[in-house]
Amino acid sequence: MSNIKLVHSGGNSVSLTTPTNNPSSNITFKLPQADGSAGQVLKTDGNGNLSWIDAVPAVGSRDCLILGSNTASAQTFSNLSETVVTALDTVRFNQGTMSYNSGQGRLTVNNTGLYHVHVKLVWGGNNDGGNDDYVALRINGDKNWSNMDANGNGWFNTLGSSVSSTWYYRHYQVQMMMPMTSGQYIDITLRHNAGSNRTLQGQMCYWQTTYIG
């Protein structure tokens, strides 16, 4: 069995050696042209060509975070203003490395890849007469991050209602796949054109983000 031995100036060495059993044919591995980024690993294309890719965490350690609030009336939104949701301040569980700043309403990711985001917001409207509400999922404060159409379809939905009662709740749910780069953050904004304020019902809201890979 042959090997390549690299000797350190201190005297110890590191060796590369052949497999224990004789391979069925000659094998050649071609190294990448340059070094990869920190944390990347080598992969093969099946023909001996090696390249750097991001390491995918094991399923049990993938990022998964649920945010809620223990406050019934958690946050109020004024008419005709787009406001960041900061009322979801309770971390239910976190199986990965995402971090959440509740003061800014920002969820920062630490893996580059695709994320599944699921949001449910519930708020009360008092005699609003059926006006429209707009909810946006943003990347680094930008709600036009997707390749959807010019009207923004895909990053927000519009809710309208003709209900006119003294008190009722509106429910908003959305699920999206969001391509993220390590260090970027997600936040949620709410805007409405009703004459009255909106008040999030924190105990009925949640925000779940899962790293897909």
C-alpha atoms as a PDB file:
ATOM      1  CA  MET A   1       0.000   0.000   0.000  1.00  0.00           C
ATOM      2  CA  SER A   2       1.501   3.315  -1.089  1.00  0.00           C
ATOM      3  CA  ASN A   3       0.976   6.729   0.413  1.00  0.00           C
ATOM      4  CA  ILE A   4       1.955  10.384   0.148  1.00  0.00           C
ATOM      5  CA  LYS A   5       3.615  11.666   3.336  1.00  0.00           C
ATOM      6  CA  LEU A   6       3.823  15.373   4.159  1.00  0.00           C
ATOM      7  CA  VAL A   7       6.345  16.010   6.926  1.00  0.00           C
ATOM      8  CA  HIS A   8       5.942  19.012   9.247  1.00  0.00           C
ATOM      9  CA  SER A   9       8.998  21.045  10.253  1.00  0.00           C
ATOM     10  CA  GLY A  10       8.373  19.769  13.789  1.00  0.00           C
ATOM     11  CA  GLY A  11       8.942  16.213  12.653  1.00  0.00           C
ATOM     12  CA  ASN A  12       5.421  14.734  12.596  1.00  0.00           C
ATOM     13  CA  SER A  13       3.702  13.963   9.298  1.00  0.00           C
ATOM     14  CA  VAL A  14       0.302  13.755   7.588  1.00  0.00           C
ATOM     15  CA  SER A  15      -0.242  10.971   5.024  1.00  0.00           C
ATOM     16  CA  LEU A  16      -2.693  10.287   2.222  1.00  0.00           C
ATOM     17  CA  THR A  17      -2.999   6.578   1.477  1.00  0.00           C
ATOM     18  CA  THR A  18      -4.839   4.229  -0.879  1.00  0.00           C
ATOM     19  CA  PRO A  19      -8.049   2.363   0.104  1.00  0.00           C
ATOM     20  CA  THR A  20      -7.758  -0.826   2.167  1.00  0.00           C
ATOM     21  CA  ASN A  21      -9.006  -2.938  -0.741  1.00  0.00           C
ATOM     22  CA  ASN A  22      -7.735  -2.715  -4.307  1.00  0.00           C
ATOM     23  CA  PRO A  23     -10.097  -0.428  -6.309  1.00  0.00           C
ATOM     24  CA  SER A  24     -11.794  -1.894  -9.363  1.00  0.00           C
ATOM     25  CA  SER A  25     -10.066   0.662 -11.618  1.00  0.00           C
ATOM     26  CA  ASN A  26      -7.662   3.592 -11.491  1.00  0.00           C
ATOM     27  CA  ILE A  27      -9.166   6.656  -9.817  1.00  0.00           C
ATOM     28  CA  THR A  28      -8.196  10.295 -10.357  1.00  0.00           C
ATOM     29  CA  PHE A  29      -9.534  13.163  -8.241  1.00  0.00           C
ATOM     30  CA  LYS A  30      -9.281  16.675  -9.697  1.00  0.00           C
ATOM     31  CA  LEU A  31      -9.073  19.376  -7.011  1.00  0.00           C
ATOM     32  CA  PRO A  32     -10.954  22.730  -7.317  1.00  0.00           C
ATOM     33  CA  GLN A  33      -9.206  25.725  -8.858  1.00  0.00           C
ATOM     34  CA  ALA A  34      -9.318  27.717  -5.599  1.00  0.00           C
ATOM     35  CA  ASP A  35     -10.116  27.350  -1.916  1.00  0.00           C
ATOM     36  CA  GLY A  36     -13.768  27.383  -0.823  1.00  0.00           C
ATOM     37  CA  SER A  37     -15.495  29.496   1.816  1.00  0.00           C
ATOM     38  CA  ALA A  38     -15.310  28.750   5.528  1.00  0.00           C
ATOM     39  CA  GLY A  39     -17.431  25.731   6.449  1.00  0.00           C
ATOM     40  CA  GLN A  40     -17.746  24.381   2.902  1.00  0.00           C
ATOM     41  CA  VAL A  41     -17.040  20.743   2.025  1.00  0.00           C
ATOM     42  CA  LEU A  42     -15.814  18.909  -1.071  1.00  0.00           C
ATOM     43  CA  LYS A  43     -18.244  17.042  -3.319  1.00  0.00           C
ATOM     44  CA  THR A  44     -17.685  14.889  -6.384  1.00  0.00           C
ATOM     45  CA  ASP A  45     -19.619  14.870  -9.637  1.00  0.00           C
ATOM     46  CA  GLY A  46     -19.138  11.100  -9.918  1.00  0.00           C
ATOM     47  CA  ASN A  47     -16.319  11.506 -12.431  1.00  0.00           C
ATOM     48  CA  GLY A  48     -13.591  12.552 -10.001  1.00  0.00           C
ATOM     49  CA  ASN A  49     -14.135  16.321 -10.336  1.00  0.00           C
ATOM     50  CA  LEU A  50     -14.240  17.911  -6.881  1.00  0.00           C
ATOM     51  CA  SER A  51     -15.874  21.225  -5.975  1.00  0.00           C
ATOM     52  CA  TRP A  52     -16.790  23.181  -2.839  1.00  0.00           C
ATOM     53  CA  ILE A  53     -20.386  23.306  -1.565  1.00  0.00           C
ATOM     54  CA  ASP A  54     -22.073  24.543   1.607  1.00  0.00           C
ATOM     55  CA  ALA A  55     -22.352  21.860   4.258  1.00  0.00           C
ATOM     56  CA  VAL A  56     -25.948  20.840   4.972  1.00  0.00           C
ATOM     57  CA  PRO A  57     -26.681  20.395   8.688  1.00  0.00           C
ATOM     58  CA  ALA A  58     -28.196  17.150   9.864  1.00  0.00           C
ATOM     59  CA  VAL A  59     -31.991  17.183  10.017  1.00  0.00           C
ATOM     60  CA  GLY A  60     -32.000  17.277  13.814  1.00  0.00           C
ATOM     61  CA  SER A  61     -29.937  20.466  13.866  1.00  0.00           C
ATOM     62  CA  ARG A  62     -31.629  22.410  11.085  1.00  0.00           C
ATOM     63  CA  ASP A  63     -32.911  25.843  11.950  1.00  0.00           C
ATOM     64  CA  CYS A  64     -36.494  25.814  13.141  1.00  0.00           C
ATOM     65  CA  LEU A  65     -37.960  28.651  15.155  1.00  0.00           C
ATOM     66  CA  ILE A  66     -41.459  29.494  16.330  1.00  0.00           C
ATOM     67  CA  LEU A  67     -42.209  32.966  17.649  1.00  0.00           C
ATOM     68  CA  GLY A  68     -45.325  33.993  19.533  1.00  0.00           C
ATOM     69  CA  SER A  69     -46.407  36.303  22.311  1.00  0.00           C
ATOM     70  CA  ASN A  70     -47.881  35.816  25.753  1.00  0.00           C
ATOM     71  CA  THR A  71     -49.681  39.177  25.483  1.00  0.00           C
ATOM     72  CA  ALA A  72     -53.288  39.166  24.257  1.00  0.00           C
ATOM     73  CA  SER A  73     -53.256  42.725  22.842  1.00  0.00           C
ATOM     74  CA  ALA A  74     -49.649  42.690  21.724  1.00  0.00           C
ATOM     75  CA  GLN A  75     -49.117  45.556  19.259  1.00  0.00           C
ATOM     76  CA  THR A  76     -51.197  48.333  17.708  1.00  0.00           C
ATOM     77  CA  PHE A  77     -50.832  49.514  14.096  1.00  0.00           C
ATOM     78  CA  SER A  78     -51.897  52.954  12.974  1.00  0.00           C
ATOM     79  CA  ASN A  79     -53.904  53.716   9.864  1.00  0.00           C
ATOM     80  CA  LEU A  80     -52.003  54.180   6.560  1.00  0.00           C
ATOM     81  CA  SER A  81     -48.584  53.317   7.994  1.00  0.00           C
ATOM     82  CA  GLU A  82     -46.460  50.254   7.202  1.00  0.00           C
ATOM     83  CA  THR A  83     -45.212  48.949  10.536  1.00  0.00           C
ATOM     84  CA  VAL A  84     -42.761  46.156  11.383  1.00  0.00           C
ATOM     85  CA  VAL A  85     -44.247  43.420  13.556  1.00  0.00           C
ATOM     86  CA  THR A  86     -42.276  43.367  16.830  1.00  0.00           C
ATOM     87  CA  ALA A  87     -44.928  41.810  19.077  1.00  0.00           C
ATOM     88  CA  LEU A  88     -43.859  38.208  18.427  1.00  0.00           C
ATOM     89  CA  ASP A  89     -41.334  38.077  21.221  1.00  0.00           C
ATOM     90  CA  THR A  90     -41.439  34.544  22.654  1.00  0.00           C
ATOM     91  CA  VAL A  91     -39.067  31.908  21.245  1.00  0.00           C
ATOM     92  CA  ARG A  92     -40.924  28.594  21.454  1.00  0.00           C
ATOM     93  CA  PHE A  93     -37.989  26.481  20.284  1.00  0.00           C
ATOM     94  CA  ASN A  94     -34.842  26.836  18.206  1.00  0.00           C
ATOM     95  CA  GLN A  95     -33.117  23.746  16.833  1.00  0.00           C
ATOM     96  CA  GLY A  96     -30.517  25.655  14.876  1.00  0.00           C
ATOM     97  CA  THR A  97     -28.468  28.816  14.743  1.00  0.00           C
ATOM     98  CA  MET A  98     -30.988  31.506  13.788  1.00  0.00           C
ATOM     99  CA  SER A  99     -31.168  34.544  16.057  1.00  0.00           C
ATOM    100  CA  TYR A 100     -34.142  36.819  16.725  1.00  0.00           C
ATOM    101  CA  ASN A 101     -34.121  40.472  17.759  1.00  0.00           C
ATOM    102  CA  SER A 102     -37.608  41.115  19.120  1.00  0.00           C
ATOM    103  CA  GLY A 103     -36.992  44.852  19.479  1.00  0.00           C
ATOM    104  CA  GLN A 104     -36.438  45.152  15.708  1.00  0.00           C
ATOM    105  CA  GLY A 105     -38.632  42.191  14.695  1.00  0.00           C
ATOM    106  CA  ARG A 106     -35.693  40.673  12.777  1.00  0.00           C
ATOM    107  CA  LEU A 107     -34.910  36.984  12.355  1.00  0.00           C
ATOM    108  CA  THR A 108     -31.293  36.591  11.153  1.00  0.00           C
ATOM    109  CA  VAL A 109     -30.194  33.370   9.430  1.00  0.00           C
ATOM    110  CA  ASN A 110     -26.731  31.823   9.558  1.00  0.00           C
ATOM    111  CA  ASN A 111     -26.977  29.328   6.709  1.00  0.00           C
ATOM    112  CA  THR A 112     -27.161  30.173   3.009  1.00  0.00           C
ATOM    113  CA  GLY A 113     -30.001  28.349   1.283  1.00  0.00           C
ATOM    114  CA  LEU A 114     -33.761  28.018   1.059  1.00  0.00           C
ATOM    115  CA  TYR A 115     -36.062  28.702   4.017  1.00  0.00           C
ATOM    116  CA  HIS A 116     -39.707  27.806   4.508  1.00  0.00           C
ATOM    117  CA  VAL A 117     -41.554  30.630   6.286  1.00  0.00           C
ATOM    118  CA  HIS A 118     -45.034  30.223   7.769  1.00  0.00           C
ATOM    119  CA  VAL A 119     -46.739  33.192   9.423  1.00  0.00           C
ATOM    120  CA  LYS A 120     -50.115  33.549  11.107  1.00  0.00           C
ATOM    121  CA  LEU A 121     -51.277  36.975  12.301  1.00  0.00           C
ATOM    122  CA  VAL A 122     -54.556  37.643  14.059  1.00  0.00           C
ATOM    123  CA  TRP A 123     -55.777  41.147  14.792  1.00  0.00           C
ATOM    124  CA  GLY A 124     -58.915  42.931  15.850  1.00  0.00           C
ATOM    125  CA  GLY A 125     -60.729  45.553  13.791  1.00  0.00           C
ATOM    126  CA  ASN A 126     -63.272  47.867  15.369  1.00  0.00           C
ATOM    127  CA  ASN A 127     -65.968  49.115  12.980  1.00  0.00           C
ATOM    128  CA  ASP A 128     -63.518  49.352  10.069  1.00  0.00           C
ATOM    129  CA  GLY A 129     -66.269  48.815   7.494  1.00  0.00           C
ATOM    130  CA  GLY A 130     -64.328  46.228   5.468  1.00  0.00           C
ATOM    131  CA  ASN A 131     -61.085  47.940   4.530  1.00  0.00           C
ATOM    132  CA  ASP A 132     -57.922  46.327   3.186  1.00  0.00           C
ATOM    133  CA  ASP A 133     -54.911  44.952   5.052  1.00  0.00           C
ATOM    134  CA  TYR A 134     -51.477  44.287   3.560  1.00  0.00           C
ATOM    135  CA  VAL A 135     -48.853  41.960   5.040  1.00  0.00           C
ATOM    136  CA  ALA A 136     -45.338  41.651   3.617  1.00  0.00           C
ATOM    137  CA  LEU A 137     -42.459  39.241   4.250  1.00  0.00           C
ATOM    138  CA  ARG A 138     -39.221  41.171   3.687  1.00  0.00           C
ATOM    139  CA  ILE A 139     -35.543  40.243   3.244  1.00  0.00           C
ATOM    140  CA  ASN A 140     -33.224  42.872   4.756  1.00  0.00           C
ATOM    141  CA  GLY A 141     -36.111  45.340   4.728  1.00  0.00           C
ATOM    142  CA  ASP A 142     -36.900  44.774   1.030  1.00  0.00           C
ATOM    143  CA  LYS A 143     -40.361  43.472   0.121  1.00  0.00           C
ATOM    144  CA  ASN A 144     -39.532  43.323  -3.600  1.00  0.00           C
ATOM    145  CA  TRP A 145     -36.986  40.510  -3.172  1.00  0.00           C
ATOM    146  CA  SER A 146     -38.845  37.891  -5.203  1.00  0.00           C
ATOM    147  CA  ASN A 147     -39.131  37.391  -8.958  1.00  0.00           C
ATOM    148  CA  MET A 148     -42.891  37.793  -8.839  1.00  0.00           C
ATOM    149  CA  ASP A 149     -44.806  40.288 -10.911  1.00  0.00           C
ATOM    150  CA  ALA A 150     -44.521  44.061 -10.783  1.00  0.00           C
ATOM    151  CA  ASN A 151     -47.511  44.299  -8.432  1.00  0.00           C
ATOM    152  CA  GLY A 152     -45.649  42.302  -5.808  1.00  0.00           C
ATOM    153  CA  ASN A 153     -47.891  39.225  -6.008  1.00  0.00           C
ATOM    154  CA  GLY A 154     -46.155  36.528  -3.999  1.00  0.00           C
ATOM    155  CA  TRP A 155     -44.733  38.637  -1.183  1.00  0.00           C
ATOM    156  CA  PHE A 156     -48.016  39.958   0.201  1.00  0.00           C
ATOM    157  CA  ASN A 157     -51.712  39.216   0.190  1.00  0.00           C
ATOM    158  CA  THR A 158     -54.550  41.675   0.449  1.00  0.00           C
ATOM    159  CA  LEU A 159     -57.386  40.923   2.837  1.00  0.00           C
ATOM    160  CA  GLY A 160     -60.723  42.645   2.486  1.00  0.00           C
ATOM    161  CA  SER A 161     -63.978  42.193   4.366  1.00  0.00           C
ATOM    162  CA  SER A 162     -67.498  43.594   4.302  1.00  0.00           C
ATOM    163  CA  VAL A 163     -68.045  42.602   7.926  1.00  0.00           C
ATOM    164  CA  SER A 164     -69.126  45.559  10.072  1.00  0.00           C
ATOM    165  CA  SER A 165     -69.595  44.472  13.665  1.00  0.00           C
ATOM    166  CA  THR A 166     -68.604  46.032  16.958  1.00  0.00           C
ATOM    167  CA  TRP A 167     -65.629  43.626  17.323  1.00  0.00           C
ATOM    168  CA  TYR A 168     -64.179  40.764  15.309  1.00  0.00           C
ATOM    169  CA  TYR A 169     -60.844  39.171  14.426  1.00  0.00           C
ATOM    170  CA  ARG A 170     -59.087  38.927  11.116  1.00  0.00           C
ATOM    171  CA  HIS A 171     -56.765  36.035  10.390  1.00  0.00           C
ATOM    172  CA  TYR A 172     -53.861  36.154   7.980  1.00  0.00           C
ATOM    173  CA  GLN A 173     -51.710  33.138   7.051  1.00  0.00           C
ATOM    174  CA  VAL A 174     -48.983  32.799   4.436  1.00  0.00           C
ATOM    175  CA  GLN A 175     -46.368  30.186   3.565  1.00  0.00           C
ATOM    176  CA  MET A 176     -43.399  31.009   1.336  1.00  0.00           C
ATOM    177  CA  MET A 177     -40.038  29.635   0.260  1.00  0.00           C
ATOM    178  CA  MET A 178     -37.442  32.381   0.736  1.00  0.00           C
ATOM    179  CA  PRO A 179     -33.860  32.173  -0.640  1.00  0.00           C
ATOM    180  CA  MET A 180     -31.560  33.602   2.018  1.00  0.00           C
ATOM    181  CA  THR A 181     -27.838  34.344   2.359  1.00  0.00           C
ATOM    182  CA  SER A 182     -26.070  33.880   5.686  1.00  0.00           C
ATOM    183  CA  GLY A 183     -26.347  37.118   7.703  1.00  0.00           C
ATOM    184  CA  GLN A 184     -29.576  38.325   6.059  1.00  0.00           C
ATOM    185  CA  TYR A 185     -32.724  38.877   8.100  1.00  0.00           C
ATOM    186  CA  ILE A 186     -36.466  38.411   7.644  1.00  0.00           C
ATOM    187  CA  ASP A 187     -39.095  40.736   9.049  1.00  0.00           C
ATOM    188  CA  ILE A 188     -42.858  41.157   8.674  1.00  0.00           C
ATOM    189  CA  THR A 189     -44.779  44.359   8.044  1.00  0.00           C
ATOM    190  CA  LEU A 190     -48.462  45.168   8.351  1.00  0.00           C
ATOM    191  CA  ARG A 191     -50.273  48.088   6.707  1.00  0.00           C
ATOM    192  CA  HIS A 192     -53.968  48.906   6.516  1.00  0.00           C
ATOM    193  CA  ASN A 193     -56.237  51.663   5.249  1.00  0.00           C
ATOM    194  CA  ALA A 194     -58.962  51.425   7.874  1.00  0.00           C
ATOM    195  CA  GLY A 195     -60.005  54.393   9.922  1.00  0.00           C
ATOM    196  CA  SER A 196     -59.353  52.579  13.180  1.00  0.00           C
ATOM    197  CA  ASN A 197     -56.178  50.980  14.554  1.00  0.00           C
ATOM    198  CA  ARG A 198     -55.251  47.310  14.280  1.00  0.00           C
ATOM    199  CA  THR A 199     -54.271  45.389  17.420  1.00  0.00           C
ATOM    200  CA  LEU A 200     -52.412  42.083  17.096  1.00  0.00           C
ATOM    201  CA  GLN A 201     -53.741  39.311  19.322  1.00  0.00           C
ATOM    202  CA  GLY A 202     -50.375  37.914  20.325  1.00  0.00           C
ATOM    203  CA  GLN A 203     -51.553  34.647  21.838  1.00  0.00           C
ATOM    204  CA  MET A 204     -53.070  33.651  18.499  1.00  0.00           C
ATOM    205  CA  CYS A 205     -50.062  34.614  16.321  1.00  0.00           C
ATOM    206  CA  TYR A 206     -46.979  32.643  15.354  1.00  0.00           C
ATOM    207  CA  TRP A 207     -44.030  32.759  12.964  1.00  0.00           C
ATOM    208  CA  GLN A 208     -42.175  29.585  12.003  1.00  0.00           C
ATOM    209  CA  THR A 209     -39.037  29.491   9.859  1.00  0.00           C
ATOM    210  CA  THR A 210     -37.321  26.244   8.844  1.00  0.00           C
ATOM    211  CA  TYR A 211     -34.027  25.839   6.981  1.00  0.00           C
ATOM    212  CA  ILE A 212     -34.576  23.518   3.986  1.00  0.00           C
ATOM    213  CA  GLY A 213     -31.038  23.428   2.586  1.00  0.00           C
END
